[in-house]
Amino acid sequence: MIRVWYNKSLSFVYAAINLIKKQDVKQEFYLVASHTQAQARALLVADEAHIEPTGLVARAYVDWCLDFCSQHQINVFVVGKEAQSIAQYQHEFEQIGVRLLLVANAATLALLDNKDLFAQQLPSSVAQLPDTLSVTSYEEFEQAYQTLRTSHPCLAIKPAVSIFGLGFRKIDEQRDCLQHILKGDEYVVGLEELRQGMRQQSRFNSLLVMEFLTGDEWSVDCVANNGTLWAAIQRRKFMASKGVPSQYIDNNHEIAQMCQQLTAHFSLSGQFNIQFRAGNNGIRLLEINARPSGGMAMACLAGVNLPYIALKGLVSGYDSLPRIQAKTGFYVGEVNVALELPIHDK
């Protein structure tokens, strides 16, 4: 039996473990999970659960992971926390017989994590980004705002480094903070409040000023092997004004092509998520998340068990997995674990 370890990560691990168990009819994999919090849901469904120490980062955490792998006879390490640091020392894990399931090498992971550098280095022939300028001061913001405002009726701002869209705000030129509170607006900031806050700091961490995209959003859950895209399930999120209460498993050709190009350009592997949104000038890339998404289980309802494919492909080779055509053209609701999935084992 192959011992697979999921270290501390986000909520998707709970669904991933359940999905792998559902598919693993031959009981090939023994799933180990760890977290700093004893109540983490992944620990409830893993075959073996452990508590991680708190406060370890960078090389100190890498050393702890190496010791954990040795002590618990881990064969495959599905990397969550400190992925960049662990990727730098991949050879040390391989020396003790541990294979890492990583989305990319350390340099690429760092690039994907910094949206400013990512925007500077992404060729437009691979995918189109929203019109974006990076700022670190009030003066730079004013210049960027005026430049972009001439081409776009509404702008937005977000940190260059963040997850879950944290820090993203649509910029409102008309209403103030109190009006937003009374109206219950989320992800909106008044222009004057934003200016006032920036004036109080001479410099701040990089912020991206960008065109505000008003159309539908696509979250694409992917599995790939060294730059070759194996599966990409498109979940289309309609704007609330359309009154659609769920997500739609889509098959947009333009998005499919961009996913293939992005995967090849960055030589991506394992599970990751790519987000797009439509604007006045077409569909634009928002970001690549070097991890599964929180909605991964919904994507698996298309008939493709993404976490199982990523694990089985690493262990046995992707040639051992028959291609399965994903179902498209239907709505899905929120789920934690996909229900019935075809078996990939030959």
Protein backbone atom coordinates (compact mmCIF):
# COMPACT_ATOMS: atom_id res chain seq x y z
CA MET A 1 0.00 0.00 0.00
CA ILE A 2 1.29 3.44 -0.97
CA ARG A 3 1.42 5.89 1.92
CA VAL A 4 0.33 9.37 0.81
CA TRP A 5 0.67 12.43 3.03
CA TYR A 6 -1.34 15.65 2.80
CA ASN A 7 0.29 18.25 5.05
CA LYS A 8 -1.52 21.34 6.31
CA SER A 9 -3.45 23.01 3.52
CA LEU A 10 -6.86 24.49 2.76
CA SER A 11 -10.35 23.03 3.01
CA PHE A 12 -10.18 21.19 -0.32
CA VAL A 13 -8.12 18.39 1.32
CA TYR A 14 -11.26 17.03 2.99
CA ALA A 15 -12.97 16.62 -0.39
CA ALA A 16 -9.78 15.33 -2.04
CA ILE A 17 -9.36 12.50 0.49
CA ASN A 18 -13.00 11.49 0.20
CA LEU A 19 -12.83 11.52 -3.59
CA ILE A 20 -9.67 9.43 -3.69
CA LYS A 21 -11.19 6.87 -1.31
CA LYS A 22 -14.30 6.64 -3.50
CA GLN A 23 -12.19 5.92 -6.57
CA ASP A 24 -9.54 3.73 -4.95
CA VAL A 25 -11.48 0.48 -5.12
CA LYS A 26 -8.27 -1.58 -4.97
CA GLN A 27 -7.21 0.22 -1.77
CA GLU A 28 -3.88 1.16 -3.29
CA PHE A 29 -3.48 4.33 -1.24
CA TYR A 30 -3.23 4.85 2.52
CA LEU A 31 -3.99 8.52 3.15
CA VAL A 32 -2.25 10.44 5.93
CA ALA A 33 -3.22 14.02 6.83
CA SER A 34 -1.76 16.57 9.22
CA HIS A 35 -2.78 20.01 10.40
CA THR A 36 -2.00 22.42 13.21
CA GLN A 37 -5.66 22.33 14.31
CA ALA A 38 -7.09 19.13 15.70
CA GLN A 39 -10.58 20.00 14.43
CA ALA A 40 -9.49 20.26 10.77
CA ARG A 41 -11.98 18.26 8.69
CA ALA A 42 -9.27 16.47 6.69
CA LEU A 43 -8.13 14.73 9.86
CA LEU A 44 -11.58 13.21 10.29
CA VAL A 45 -11.53 11.31 6.97
CA ALA A 46 -7.84 10.43 6.62
CA ASP A 47 -6.66 6.89 7.37
CA GLU A 48 -4.15 8.41 9.78
CA ALA A 49 -4.12 11.88 11.34
CA HIS A 50 -1.36 13.93 12.97
CA ILE A 51 -1.00 17.37 14.55
CA GLU A 52 1.67 19.64 13.10
CA PRO A 53 3.77 21.97 15.26
CA THR A 54 3.00 25.66 14.96
CA GLY A 55 5.42 28.43 14.07
CA LEU A 56 7.64 26.52 11.66
CA VAL A 57 8.38 28.21 8.34
CA ALA A 58 10.86 27.95 5.46
CA ARG A 59 13.81 25.61 6.09
CA ALA A 60 12.67 24.72 9.62
CA TYR A 61 9.37 23.45 8.24
CA VAL A 62 11.15 21.59 5.42
CA ASP A 63 13.29 19.77 7.99
CA TRP A 64 10.20 18.83 9.98
CA CYS A 65 8.57 17.48 6.80
CA LEU A 66 11.66 15.41 5.98
CA ASP A 67 11.60 13.92 9.47
CA PHE A 68 7.86 13.26 9.23
CA CYS A 69 8.28 11.45 5.91
CA SER A 70 11.03 9.27 7.34
CA GLN A 71 9.22 8.47 10.59
CA HIS A 72 5.92 7.62 8.90
CA GLN A 73 7.31 5.87 5.81
CA ILE A 74 5.70 8.30 3.38
CA ASN A 75 5.92 7.41 -0.32
CA VAL A 76 4.11 10.40 -1.84
CA PHE A 77 3.92 13.89 -0.34
CA VAL A 78 1.06 16.04 -1.67
CA VAL A 79 2.45 19.44 -0.78
CA GLY A 80 0.25 22.19 0.66
CA LYS A 81 1.84 24.52 3.23
CA GLU A 82 5.25 26.03 2.36
CA ALA A 83 5.15 24.69 -1.19
CA GLN A 84 7.81 27.12 -2.44
CA SER A 85 10.22 26.20 0.34
CA ILE A 86 9.64 22.48 -0.08
CA ALA A 87 10.09 22.71 -3.85
CA GLN A 88 13.56 24.19 -3.32
CA TYR A 89 14.61 21.02 -1.53
CA GLN A 90 12.80 18.47 -3.66
CA HIS A 91 16.02 16.53 -4.18
CA GLU A 92 16.31 15.90 -0.42
CA PHE A 93 12.89 14.25 -0.39
CA GLU A 94 13.76 12.17 -3.43
CA GLN A 95 16.94 11.01 -1.68
CA ILE A 96 14.83 9.39 1.03
CA GLY A 97 12.43 7.86 -1.51
CA VAL A 98 9.61 10.39 -1.31
CA ARG A 99 7.92 11.69 -4.46
CA LEU A 100 6.44 15.19 -4.29
CA LEU A 101 3.17 16.14 -5.94
CA LEU A 102 3.86 19.79 -6.77
CA VAL A 103 2.28 22.16 -9.28
CA ALA A 104 5.60 23.66 -10.41
CA ASN A 105 9.19 24.36 -9.41
CA ALA A 106 10.02 26.93 -6.75
CA ALA A 107 10.66 29.81 -9.17
CA THR A 108 7.35 29.29 -10.97
CA LEU A 109 5.43 28.96 -7.71
CA ALA A 110 6.89 32.28 -6.58
CA LEU A 111 5.86 33.88 -9.87
CA LEU A 112 2.29 32.58 -9.65
CA ASP A 113 2.06 33.92 -6.10
CA ASN A 114 3.00 37.49 -7.10
CA LYS A 115 0.38 38.88 -9.44
CA ASP A 116 2.51 41.94 -10.24
CA LEU A 117 5.51 39.94 -11.48
CA PHE A 118 3.18 37.46 -13.14
CA ALA A 119 1.53 40.23 -15.16
CA GLN A 120 4.91 41.61 -16.20
CA GLN A 121 6.20 38.27 -17.45
CA LEU A 122 3.12 36.66 -19.02
CA PRO A 123 3.29 36.85 -22.85
CA SER A 124 0.07 38.25 -24.33
CA SER A 125 0.13 35.40 -26.85
CA VAL A 126 -0.47 32.93 -24.01
CA ALA A 127 -3.40 34.71 -22.32
CA GLN A 128 -4.79 38.21 -22.00
CA LEU A 129 -4.86 39.90 -18.60
CA PRO A 130 -7.07 42.85 -17.59
CA ASP A 131 -5.45 46.23 -18.16
CA THR A 132 -3.42 46.58 -14.97
CA LEU A 133 -0.86 48.91 -13.39
CA SER A 134 1.10 48.31 -10.17
CA VAL A 135 1.39 51.05 -7.54
CA THR A 136 3.16 51.45 -4.20
CA SER A 137 2.32 55.08 -3.35
CA TYR A 138 -0.51 57.59 -3.53
CA GLU A 139 1.20 59.46 -6.37
CA GLU A 140 1.58 56.28 -8.41
CA PHE A 141 -2.05 55.40 -7.74
CA GLU A 142 -3.31 58.74 -9.00
CA GLN A 143 -1.30 58.44 -12.18
CA ALA A 144 -2.40 54.85 -12.77
CA TYR A 145 -6.03 55.66 -11.99
CA GLN A 146 -6.16 58.52 -14.45
CA THR A 147 -4.41 56.47 -17.13
CA LEU A 148 -6.75 53.48 -16.87
CA ARG A 149 -9.89 55.54 -16.26
CA THR A 150 -9.64 57.04 -19.74
CA SER A 151 -10.23 53.58 -21.23
CA HIS A 152 -12.50 51.90 -18.66
CA PRO A 153 -15.70 53.13 -16.98
CA CYS A 154 -14.90 51.40 -13.69
CA LEU A 155 -11.69 50.25 -12.01
CA ALA A 156 -10.76 47.91 -9.18
CA ILE A 157 -7.81 47.34 -6.87
CA LYS A 158 -6.27 44.28 -5.21
CA PRO A 159 -3.01 43.30 -3.49
CA ALA A 160 -0.29 41.84 -5.67
CA VAL A 161 -0.05 38.90 -3.23
CA SER A 162 -3.23 37.39 -1.79
CA ILE A 163 -5.51 34.34 -1.90
CA PHE A 164 -9.28 33.85 -2.14
CA GLY A 165 -9.58 37.32 -3.68
CA LEU A 166 -8.77 38.86 -0.30
CA GLY A 167 -8.30 42.60 -0.63
CA PHE A 168 -10.09 42.91 -3.97
CA ARG A 169 -12.30 45.99 -4.16
CA LYS A 170 -14.33 47.64 -6.87
CA ILE A 171 -13.69 51.39 -6.74
CA ASP A 172 -16.84 53.50 -6.41
CA GLU A 173 -16.52 57.16 -7.42
CA GLN A 174 -19.98 58.17 -6.16
CA ARG A 175 -20.82 56.64 -2.78
CA ASP A 176 -18.93 56.85 0.50
CA CYS A 177 -18.11 54.26 3.16
CA LEU A 178 -21.31 54.76 5.17
CA GLN A 179 -23.49 54.32 2.11
CA HIS A 180 -21.73 51.04 1.32
CA ILE A 181 -22.27 49.83 4.87
CA LEU A 182 -25.97 50.75 4.87
CA LYS A 183 -26.47 49.13 1.48
CA GLY A 184 -24.58 45.99 2.50
CA ASP A 185 -22.07 46.22 -0.32
CA GLU A 186 -19.18 43.77 -0.33
CA TYR A 187 -15.85 44.15 -2.11
CA VAL A 188 -16.44 47.85 -2.77
CA VAL A 189 -14.41 50.86 -1.63
CA GLY A 190 -15.14 54.54 -2.08
CA LEU A 191 -12.55 56.39 -4.13
CA GLU A 192 -12.10 59.22 -1.65
CA GLU A 193 -11.65 56.87 1.33
CA LEU A 194 -9.09 54.94 -0.69
CA ARG A 195 -7.21 58.13 -1.55
CA GLN A 196 -7.28 59.28 2.07
CA GLY A 197 -5.81 56.00 3.27
CA MET A 198 -3.03 56.11 0.69
CA ARG A 199 -2.07 59.68 1.54
CA GLN A 200 -1.33 58.58 5.11
CA GLN A 201 1.50 56.27 3.96
CA SER A 202 4.51 57.26 1.95
CA ARG A 203 4.85 53.70 0.55
CA PHE A 204 2.83 50.51 0.84
CA ASN A 205 2.95 46.95 -0.47
CA SER A 206 2.29 46.59 -4.17
CA LEU A 207 -1.34 47.08 -5.20
CA LEU A 208 -2.75 46.42 -8.64
CA VAL A 209 -5.06 48.98 -10.20
CA MET A 210 -7.04 47.29 -12.94
CA GLU A 211 -10.09 47.47 -15.16
CA PHE A 212 -13.21 46.13 -13.46
CA LEU A 213 -14.55 43.15 -15.39
CA THR A 214 -18.34 43.03 -15.42
CA GLY A 215 -19.09 39.69 -17.09
CA ASP A 216 -19.36 36.07 -16.03
CA GLU A 217 -16.51 34.28 -14.26
CA TRP A 218 -15.01 30.87 -14.96
CA SER A 219 -13.15 28.78 -12.41
CA VAL A 220 -11.28 25.97 -14.18
CA ASP A 221 -10.13 22.98 -12.14
CA CYS A 222 -7.16 21.36 -13.86
CA VAL A 223 -4.88 18.33 -13.74
CA ALA A 224 -1.68 18.27 -15.77
CA ASN A 225 1.61 16.45 -16.14
CA ASN A 226 4.77 18.45 -16.91
CA GLY A 227 2.98 21.00 -19.05
CA THR A 228 0.49 18.65 -20.69
CA LEU A 229 -3.07 19.36 -19.64
CA TRP A 230 -4.91 16.17 -18.74
CA ALA A 231 -8.27 17.56 -17.60
CA ALA A 232 -9.79 21.03 -17.27
CA ILE A 233 -13.33 21.37 -15.92
CA GLN A 234 -14.87 24.80 -16.47
CA ARG A 235 -17.29 26.05 -13.81
CA ARG A 236 -19.07 29.14 -15.12
CA LYS A 237 -20.33 31.50 -12.43
CA PHE A 238 -23.08 33.70 -13.81
CA MET A 239 -23.58 37.24 -12.60
CA ALA A 240 -26.16 37.45 -9.80
CA SER A 241 -28.35 39.72 -11.96
CA LYS A 242 -29.08 36.74 -14.20
CA GLY A 243 -30.78 34.96 -11.34
CA VAL A 244 -28.91 31.67 -11.74
CA PRO A 245 -28.51 30.05 -8.29
CA SER A 246 -25.75 27.59 -9.19
CA GLN A 247 -22.73 27.06 -11.41
CA TYR A 248 -22.64 25.69 -14.93
CA ILE A 249 -20.20 23.10 -16.28
CA ASP A 250 -19.16 24.89 -19.44
CA ASN A 251 -17.11 24.09 -22.53
CA ASN A 252 -15.83 27.45 -23.76
CA HIS A 253 -13.30 26.91 -26.55
CA GLU A 254 -11.37 30.13 -25.89
CA ILE A 255 -10.92 29.29 -22.21
CA ALA A 256 -9.92 25.71 -23.04
CA GLN A 257 -7.23 26.99 -25.39
CA MET A 258 -5.86 29.48 -22.85
CA CYS A 259 -5.72 26.74 -20.19
CA GLN A 260 -3.66 24.55 -22.50
CA GLN A 261 -1.32 27.40 -23.35
CA LEU A 262 -0.86 28.48 -19.72
CA THR A 263 -0.22 24.91 -18.61
CA ALA A 264 2.41 24.41 -21.30
CA HIS A 265 4.04 27.82 -20.81
CA PHE A 266 4.56 27.31 -17.06
CA SER A 267 5.08 23.52 -17.30
CA LEU A 268 2.41 22.90 -14.66
CA SER A 269 1.69 19.55 -13.01
CA GLY A 270 -0.74 18.08 -10.51
CA GLN A 271 -3.87 19.95 -9.48
CA PHE A 272 -4.35 23.68 -9.91
CA ASN A 273 -7.06 26.22 -10.65
CA ILE A 274 -7.24 28.95 -13.30
CA GLN A 275 -9.72 31.82 -13.11
CA PHE A 276 -11.09 33.97 -15.91
CA ARG A 277 -13.69 36.70 -16.22
CA ALA A 278 -15.36 38.39 -19.16
CA GLY A 279 -15.05 42.13 -19.73
CA ASN A 280 -15.88 44.67 -22.40
CA ASN A 281 -12.90 43.53 -24.46
CA GLY A 282 -13.38 39.78 -24.08
CA ILE A 283 -12.41 37.07 -21.60
CA ARG A 284 -9.42 37.88 -19.42
CA LEU A 285 -7.22 35.76 -17.17
CA LEU A 286 -7.49 36.65 -13.48
CA GLU A 287 -4.95 34.28 -11.89
CA ILE A 288 -3.52 30.81 -11.62
CA ASN A 289 -3.85 29.22 -8.18
CA ALA A 290 -1.17 26.59 -7.54
CA ARG A 291 -3.60 24.42 -5.59
CA PRO A 292 -7.03 22.82 -6.01
CA SER A 293 -9.99 25.13 -5.59
CA GLY A 294 -12.61 25.06 -2.89
CA GLY A 295 -15.16 24.14 -5.58
CA MET A 296 -13.18 21.15 -6.84
CA ALA A 297 -15.86 18.65 -5.78
CA MET A 298 -18.40 20.44 -7.96
CA ALA A 299 -16.05 20.13 -10.92
CA CYS A 300 -15.72 16.38 -10.27
CA LEU A 301 -19.45 16.04 -10.89
CA ALA A 302 -18.47 16.33 -14.56
CA GLY A 303 -17.33 12.71 -14.23
CA VAL A 304 -13.59 13.23 -13.74
CA ASN A 305 -12.05 12.52 -10.33
CA LEU A 306 -9.35 15.19 -10.33
CA PRO A 307 -7.47 14.38 -7.07
CA TYR A 308 -7.41 10.68 -7.89
CA ILE A 309 -6.06 11.33 -11.40
CA ALA A 310 -3.33 13.60 -10.05
CA LEU A 311 -2.24 10.99 -7.51
CA LYS A 312 -2.60 7.92 -9.71
CA GLY A 313 -0.90 9.69 -12.61
CA LEU A 314 2.12 10.54 -10.47
CA VAL A 315 2.43 7.03 -9.04
CA SER A 316 1.60 4.84 -12.04
CA GLY A 317 2.06 7.21 -14.97
CA TYR A 318 -0.67 9.01 -16.87
CA ASP A 319 -0.54 6.35 -19.60
CA SER A 320 -2.14 3.99 -17.08
CA LEU A 321 -5.27 6.17 -17.02
CA PRO A 322 -7.77 5.99 -19.87
CA ARG A 323 -9.03 9.35 -21.03
CA ILE A 324 -12.54 10.11 -19.82
CA GLN A 325 -14.59 12.74 -21.59
CA ALA A 326 -15.97 15.20 -19.07
CA LYS A 327 -19.67 15.88 -19.15
CA THR A 328 -20.57 19.51 -19.90
CA GLY A 329 -23.68 21.62 -20.28
CA PHE A 330 -25.35 21.20 -16.89
CA TYR A 331 -25.75 23.05 -13.61
CA VAL A 332 -24.16 22.00 -10.32
CA GLY A 333 -24.79 23.09 -6.75
CA GLU A 334 -22.49 23.24 -3.76
CA VAL A 335 -21.14 19.82 -2.73
CA ASN A 336 -18.32 18.59 -0.52
CA VAL A 337 -17.77 15.30 -2.32
CA ALA A 338 -18.83 14.33 -5.83
CA LEU A 339 -21.20 11.38 -5.87
CA GLU A 340 -20.81 8.84 -8.67
CA LEU A 341 -17.65 8.85 -10.77
CA PRO A 342 -16.33 6.43 -13.43
CA ILE A 343 -13.42 4.23 -12.38
CA HIS A 344 -10.09 5.12 -13.97
CA ASP A 345 -8.22 1.91 -13.17
CA LYS A 346 -7.67 -0.46 -16.06
